[in-house]
Protein backbone atom coordinates (compact mmCIF):
# COMPACT_ATOMS: atom_id res chain seq x y z
CA UNK A 1 -0.08 -0.04 0.05
CA UNK A 2 2.84 2.31 0.81
CA UNK A 3 4.59 1.53 -2.06
CA UNK A 4 1.54 2.26 -4.25
CA UNK A 5 1.24 5.55 -2.63
CA UNK A 6 4.71 6.68 -3.35
CA UNK A 7 4.51 5.45 -7.05
CA UNK A 8 1.23 7.45 -7.10
CA UNK A 9 2.99 10.77 -5.93
CA UNK A 10 5.78 10.26 -7.84
CA UNK A 11 3.71 10.10 -10.92
CA UNK A 12 2.23 13.43 -9.89
CA UNK A 13 5.69 15.07 -9.98
CA UNK A 14 5.12 17.73 -12.69
CA UNK A 15 1.95 18.64 -11.32
CA UNK A 16 3.66 18.98 -7.43
CA UNK A 17 6.41 21.41 -8.89
CA UNK A 18 3.99 23.51 -10.62
CA UNK A 19 1.95 23.90 -7.33
CA UNK A 20 5.29 24.55 -5.34
CA UNK A 21 6.03 28.07 -7.84
CA UNK A 22 2.24 29.04 -6.95
CA UNK A 23 2.37 28.63 -3.66
CA UNK A 24 5.69 30.37 -3.40
CA UNK A 25 3.92 33.37 -5.26
CA UNK A 26 0.64 33.64 -3.64
CA UNK A 27 2.17 33.30 -0.11
CA UNK A 28 4.98 35.43 0.05
CA UNK A 29 5.17 35.22 3.91
CA UNK A 30 5.79 31.39 3.39
CA UNK A 31 8.32 32.12 0.67
CA UNK A 32 10.43 34.19 3.02
CA UNK A 33 10.20 31.72 5.65
CA UNK A 34 11.63 29.08 3.52
CA UNK A 35 14.43 31.23 1.92
CA UNK A 36 17.29 30.22 4.19
CA UNK A 37 16.60 26.73 3.23
CA UNK A 38 17.30 27.41 -0.19
CA UNK A 39 21.01 26.60 -0.18
CA UNK A 40 20.77 23.51 2.16
CA UNK A 41 17.65 22.39 0.04
CA UNK A 42 20.20 22.62 -3.33
CA UNK A 43 22.73 20.51 -1.57
CA UNK A 44 20.23 17.97 -0.54
CA UNK A 45 18.67 17.30 -3.95
CA UNK A 46 22.29 17.02 -5.23
CA UNK A 47 23.01 14.54 -2.49
CA UNK A 48 19.77 12.44 -2.98
CA UNK A 49 19.83 12.34 -6.85
CA UNK A 50 23.67 10.99 -6.81
CA UNK A 51 22.78 8.72 -4.01
CA UNK A 52 20.21 6.73 -6.29
CA UNK A 53 22.93 6.62 -9.26
CA UNK A 54 24.96 3.35 -9.31
CA UNK A 55 27.50 5.14 -11.16
CA UNK A 56 29.11 1.55 -12.49
CA UNK A 57 25.68 0.56 -13.96
CA UNK A 58 25.45 4.11 -15.52
CA UNK A 59 28.76 3.62 -17.52
CA UNK A 60 27.66 0.01 -18.80
CA UNK A 61 24.29 2.21 -19.82
CA UNK A 62 26.74 3.90 -22.58
CA UNK A 63 25.25 2.94 -25.71
CA UNK A 64 24.98 6.46 -27.77
CA UNK A 65 28.62 7.83 -26.86
CA UNK A 66 28.28 10.23 -29.81
CA UNK A 67 24.59 11.43 -28.41
CA UNK A 68 26.01 11.86 -25.11
CA UNK A 69 29.19 13.75 -26.13
CA UNK A 70 27.24 15.80 -28.92
CA UNK A 71 24.48 16.91 -26.14
CA UNK A 72 27.08 17.76 -23.36
CA UNK A 73 29.11 20.04 -25.78
CA UNK A 74 25.63 21.67 -26.90
CA UNK A 75 24.64 22.02 -23.22
CA UNK A 76 27.32 23.37 -21.74
CA UNK A 77 29.21 25.27 -24.41
CA UNK A 78 27.21 25.79 -27.66
CA UNK A 79 24.07 27.08 -25.83
CA UNK A 80 25.43 29.67 -23.86
CA UNK A 81 27.63 31.38 -26.71
CA UNK A 82 24.61 30.88 -28.76
CA UNK A 83 22.46 33.14 -25.92
CA UNK A 84 25.23 35.68 -25.84
CA UNK A 85 25.15 36.30 -29.44
CA UNK A 86 21.19 36.59 -29.83
CA UNK A 87 21.16 38.75 -26.53
CA UNK A 88 23.82 41.36 -27.84
CA UNK A 89 21.80 41.88 -30.92
CA UNK A 90 18.65 42.41 -28.34
CA UNK A 91 20.43 43.60 -25.17
CA UNK A 92 17.68 43.08 -22.26
CA UNK A 93 19.94 44.64 -19.59
CA UNK A 94 22.80 43.74 -17.84
CA UNK A 95 21.14 41.43 -14.95
CA UNK A 96 19.06 39.47 -17.52
CA UNK A 97 21.61 38.68 -20.11
CA UNK A 98 24.06 37.54 -17.29
CA UNK A 99 21.30 35.34 -15.83
CA UNK A 100 20.05 34.05 -19.28
CA UNK A 101 23.38 33.37 -20.26
CA UNK A 102 24.38 31.30 -16.79
CA UNK A 103 21.10 29.74 -17.40
CA UNK A 104 22.08 28.70 -20.82
CA UNK A 105 25.48 26.99 -19.49
CA UNK A 106 24.03 25.20 -16.50
CA UNK A 107 23.79 21.42 -16.06
CA UNK A 108 20.29 19.74 -16.09
CA UNK A 109 17.90 19.88 -13.38
CA UNK A 110 18.60 16.57 -10.90
CA UNK A 111 15.16 15.53 -11.37
CA UNK A 112 15.21 15.27 -15.26
CA UNK A 113 15.79 11.59 -15.56
CA UNK A 114 13.06 10.87 -13.06
CA UNK A 115 10.75 13.05 -15.08
CA UNK A 116 12.21 11.91 -18.44
CA UNK A 117 10.93 8.39 -17.43
CA UNK A 118 7.18 9.62 -16.50
CA UNK A 119 6.60 11.44 -19.66
CA UNK A 120 8.21 8.40 -21.53
CA UNK A 121 11.57 9.87 -22.71
CA UNK A 122 14.76 8.40 -22.49
CA UNK A 123 15.80 8.58 -18.70
CA UNK A 124 18.99 6.56 -18.82
CA UNK A 125 20.07 9.04 -21.54
CA UNK A 126 18.86 11.73 -19.36
CA UNK A 127 20.85 10.22 -16.45
CA UNK A 128 24.23 10.13 -18.11
CA UNK A 129 23.88 13.57 -19.50
CA UNK A 130 23.15 14.93 -16.24
CA UNK A 131 26.00 13.23 -14.46
CA UNK A 132 28.62 14.14 -16.82
CA UNK A 133 27.39 17.77 -17.29
CA UNK A 134 27.35 18.21 -13.37
CA UNK A 135 30.81 17.14 -13.08
CA UNK A 136 32.05 19.54 -16.08
CA UNK A 137 29.85 22.57 -15.28
CA UNK A 138 32.11 24.11 -12.49
CA UNK A 139 34.79 24.04 -14.88
CA UNK A 140 33.07 24.97 -18.38
CA UNK A 141 30.67 27.81 -17.01
CA UNK A 142 33.04 29.67 -15.31
CA UNK A 143 35.64 29.68 -18.10
CA UNK A 144 32.78 30.49 -20.60
CA UNK A 145 30.97 33.32 -18.56
CA UNK A 146 34.14 34.84 -17.20
CA UNK A 147 36.74 34.57 -19.83
CA UNK A 148 35.25 33.81 -23.18
CA UNK A 149 32.12 36.18 -22.77
CA UNK A 150 33.67 38.75 -20.27
CA UNK A 151 30.38 38.97 -18.16
CA UNK A 152 30.88 40.94 -14.88
CA UNK A 153 29.83 38.70 -11.86
CA UNK A 154 32.15 40.13 -9.46
CA UNK A 155 33.90 37.05 -8.82
CA UNK A 156 37.20 35.75 -9.83
CA UNK A 157 36.64 32.78 -11.92
CA UNK A 158 38.94 30.40 -10.24
CA UNK A 159 37.30 31.08 -7.01
CA UNK A 160 34.05 30.66 -8.65
CA UNK A 161 35.31 26.93 -10.13
CA UNK A 162 36.44 26.19 -6.74
CA UNK A 163 33.29 27.05 -5.09
CA UNK A 164 31.13 25.13 -7.51
CA UNK A 165 33.45 22.09 -7.16
CA UNK A 166 33.23 22.07 -3.53
CA UNK A 167 29.62 22.44 -3.63
CA UNK A 168 28.71 19.80 -6.18
CA UNK A 169 31.53 17.44 -4.85
CA UNK A 170 30.92 17.52 -1.57
CA UNK A 171 27.14 16.39 -2.20
CA UNK A 172 28.22 13.78 -4.72
CA UNK A 173 31.20 12.68 -2.39
CA UNK A 174 29.24 12.26 0.37
CA UNK A 175 26.36 9.94 -1.75
CA UNK A 176 29.05 7.74 -2.72
CA UNK A 177 30.52 7.18 0.75
CA UNK A 178 27.11 6.45 1.77
CA UNK A 179 26.46 4.05 -1.15
CA UNK A 180 29.42 2.34 0.01
CA UNK A 181 28.37 1.78 3.63
CA UNK A 182 24.83 0.96 3.16
CA UNK A 183 24.84 -0.91 -0.34
CA UNK A 184 23.46 -0.21 -3.62
CA UNK A 185 20.79 -2.73 -3.22
CA UNK A 186 19.24 -0.96 -0.33
CA UNK A 187 19.29 2.26 -2.21
CA UNK A 188 17.34 0.60 -5.16
CA UNK A 189 14.96 -0.61 -2.94
CA UNK A 190 13.96 2.73 -1.72
CA UNK A 191 13.97 4.17 -5.28
CA UNK A 192 10.24 5.39 -4.94
CA UNK A 193 10.67 7.17 -1.61
CA UNK A 194 14.06 8.70 -2.61
CA UNK A 195 12.23 9.99 -5.83
CA UNK A 196 9.51 11.36 -3.93
CA UNK A 197 11.96 12.95 -1.55
CA UNK A 198 13.32 14.73 -4.27
CA UNK A 199 10.42 15.97 -5.67
CA UNK A 200 9.28 17.25 -2.28
CA UNK A 201 12.55 19.17 -1.62
CA UNK A 202 12.29 20.35 -5.13
CA UNK A 203 8.47 21.82 -3.84
CA UNK A 204 10.20 23.45 -0.96
CA UNK A 205 13.11 25.02 -3.30
CA UNK A 206 10.03 26.57 -5.56
CA UNK A 207 8.85 27.93 -2.90
CA UNK A 208 11.81 29.67 -1.24
CA UNK A 209 13.23 31.12 -4.25
CA UNK A 210 9.96 32.92 -4.80
CA UNK A 211 10.96 34.88 -2.12
CA UNK A 212 10.87 38.74 -2.97
CA UNK A 213 9.31 38.19 -6.57
CA UNK A 214 5.71 38.94 -5.28
CA UNK A 215 6.80 42.28 -4.09
CA UNK A 216 8.13 43.16 -7.30
CA UNK A 217 5.71 41.77 -9.25
CA UNK A 218 3.17 44.33 -7.45
CA UNK A 219 5.94 47.53 -7.65
CA UNK A 220 7.10 46.60 -10.94
CA UNK A 221 4.50 44.61 -12.96
CA UNK A 222 5.21 45.18 -16.38
CA UNK A 223 8.98 44.34 -16.00
CA UNK A 224 8.24 41.19 -13.93
CA UNK A 225 5.73 40.07 -16.72
CA UNK A 226 8.35 40.99 -19.39
CA UNK A 227 10.85 38.56 -17.46
CA UNK A 228 8.30 35.94 -17.16
CA UNK A 229 7.40 35.99 -20.91
CA UNK A 230 11.32 35.92 -21.72
CA UNK A 231 11.83 32.82 -19.11
CA UNK A 232 9.14 30.99 -21.20
CA UNK A 233 10.48 32.27 -24.60
CA UNK A 234 13.75 30.86 -23.62
CA UNK A 235 12.20 27.58 -22.30
CA UNK A 236 10.38 27.03 -25.62
CA UNK A 237 13.56 27.93 -27.83
CA UNK A 238 15.81 25.31 -25.83
CA UNK A 239 13.24 23.02 -25.89
CA UNK A 240 12.64 23.31 -29.73
CA UNK A 241 16.37 23.83 -31.01
CA UNK A 242 17.61 21.28 -29.01
CA UNK A 243 14.83 18.71 -30.01
CA UNK A 244 15.65 19.60 -33.76
CA UNK A 245 19.37 19.47 -33.30
CA UNK A 246 18.98 16.18 -31.61
CA UNK A 247 16.51 14.54 -33.87
CA UNK A 248 19.83 13.45 -36.06
CA UNK A 249 19.68 10.61 -33.47
CA UNK A 250 15.95 9.75 -33.77
CA UNK A 251 12.82 11.17 -32.84
CA UNK A 252 12.60 9.90 -29.07
CA UNK A 253 16.49 10.68 -28.10
CA UNK A 254 15.90 14.14 -30.13
CA UNK A 255 12.75 14.72 -27.86
CA UNK A 256 14.41 13.66 -24.93
CA UNK A 257 17.78 16.10 -25.58
CA UNK A 258 15.21 18.83 -25.88
CA UNK A 259 13.81 18.43 -22.64
CA UNK A 260 17.22 17.72 -20.85
CA UNK A 261 18.50 20.96 -22.46
CA UNK A 262 15.33 22.82 -21.68
CA UNK A 263 15.63 22.25 -18.05
CA UNK A 264 18.37 23.66 -16.44
CA UNK A 265 19.41 23.79 -12.76
CA UNK A 266 19.94 27.14 -11.83
CA UNK A 267 19.87 26.43 -8.29
CA UNK A 268 23.36 25.37 -7.66
CA UNK A 269 24.53 28.91 -9.49
CA UNK A 270 22.29 30.64 -6.81
CA UNK A 271 23.90 28.96 -3.84
CA UNK A 272 27.25 30.29 -5.06
CA UNK A 273 26.77 33.59 -6.61
CA UNK A 274 27.99 36.12 -4.73
CA UNK A 275 25.24 38.04 -2.58
CA UNK A 276 25.93 41.53 -4.12
CA UNK A 277 24.84 40.22 -7.64
CA UNK A 278 22.58 42.37 -9.45
CA UNK A 279 19.13 41.50 -8.14
CA UNK A 280 17.86 40.98 -11.96
CA UNK A 281 19.93 37.66 -11.67
CA UNK A 282 18.14 36.47 -8.68
CA UNK A 283 14.53 37.23 -10.17
CA UNK A 284 15.17 35.80 -13.22
CA UNK A 285 16.58 32.40 -11.52
CA UNK A 286 13.09 32.49 -9.58
CA UNK A 287 11.06 33.03 -12.49
CA UNK A 288 12.98 30.57 -14.19
CA UNK A 289 10.97 27.73 -12.23
CA UNK A 290 7.82 28.71 -13.60
CA UNK A 291 8.33 26.95 -17.18
CA UNK A 292 10.51 24.08 -15.59
CA UNK A 293 7.89 23.48 -13.32
CA UNK A 294 4.86 24.09 -15.23
CA UNK A 295 5.57 22.70 -18.50
CA UNK A 296 6.39 19.08 -17.83
CA UNK A 297 2.66 18.92 -16.68
CA UNK A 298 1.57 20.45 -19.77
CA UNK A 299 3.84 18.47 -21.94
CA UNK A 300 3.21 15.14 -20.33
CA UNK A 301 -0.07 13.81 -22.37
CA UNK A 302 2.03 15.10 -25.91
CA UNK A 303 5.06 13.22 -24.99
CA UNK A 304 3.13 10.13 -23.31
CA UNK A 305 1.41 10.06 -26.63
CA UNK A 306 3.77 9.43 -28.59
CA UNK A 307 6.36 7.83 -26.47
CA UNK A 308 4.91 4.94 -24.13
CA UNK A 309 6.29 5.90 -20.47
CA UNK A 310 8.71 3.01 -19.08
CA UNK A 311 7.25 0.55 -16.68
CA UNK A 312 7.95 1.40 -13.16
């Protein structure tokens, strides 16, 4: 009975994530209360996602190395540079420009493999891409953002790379140690509970990150609505262009790559950005949760109609 309940709630993940965004907006007091949990929530998401990964088995699943390598290069290198080129012609303001480029160079959301499975997409490819991208992003993003594109973040690229590496490495390393202590079989048995824990922490994160957004929506309505429009436009562009580019590997793989590339983990960046960074960066990162958490529930019928979800 408990297992069926966990599986049912896990399948409702897209709806729960969308609900978290709405709660954060309509209950700003709750968002402010949850704000101190933002950094720990991001670390826990990394830890729990890494805990349920069987790294040896993941390597054995590597049947499409070309698709993996091409997607990681597209994800971490091409999309931020492409985004910079587009925004240079249509500058939306310094804060938003930096936020959009950082988002475009971020690794996939930690829940992407679970969501991909629910939608009938290739969750194994999503898992491999997430692992590789998460390992590389502490080195690629500081270099591209601060050296190649010369963005002004008020932080030294080496220091930022070290901060990102420590943040990601401590979570993944702790998960690896716990795996060895309790055994992979026990973790596999608790897969449904771990998936649900990740979803609930994501809901907490989505509520906490909305702190301050409601106030700015009231005081700067037109500007915030414009940022919301930019966020959804960016999501659809990443989804559409990445799906189109990935179709060379087949329709399902292309759709999977599109979904992976559209859902970027800006939470890790938020946790290590200097407190004095441009306020519009934090605003955009908060609003970016809207398309990421709302769109999977809207896209689910489309994907599930075309691609049968994998059995759980």
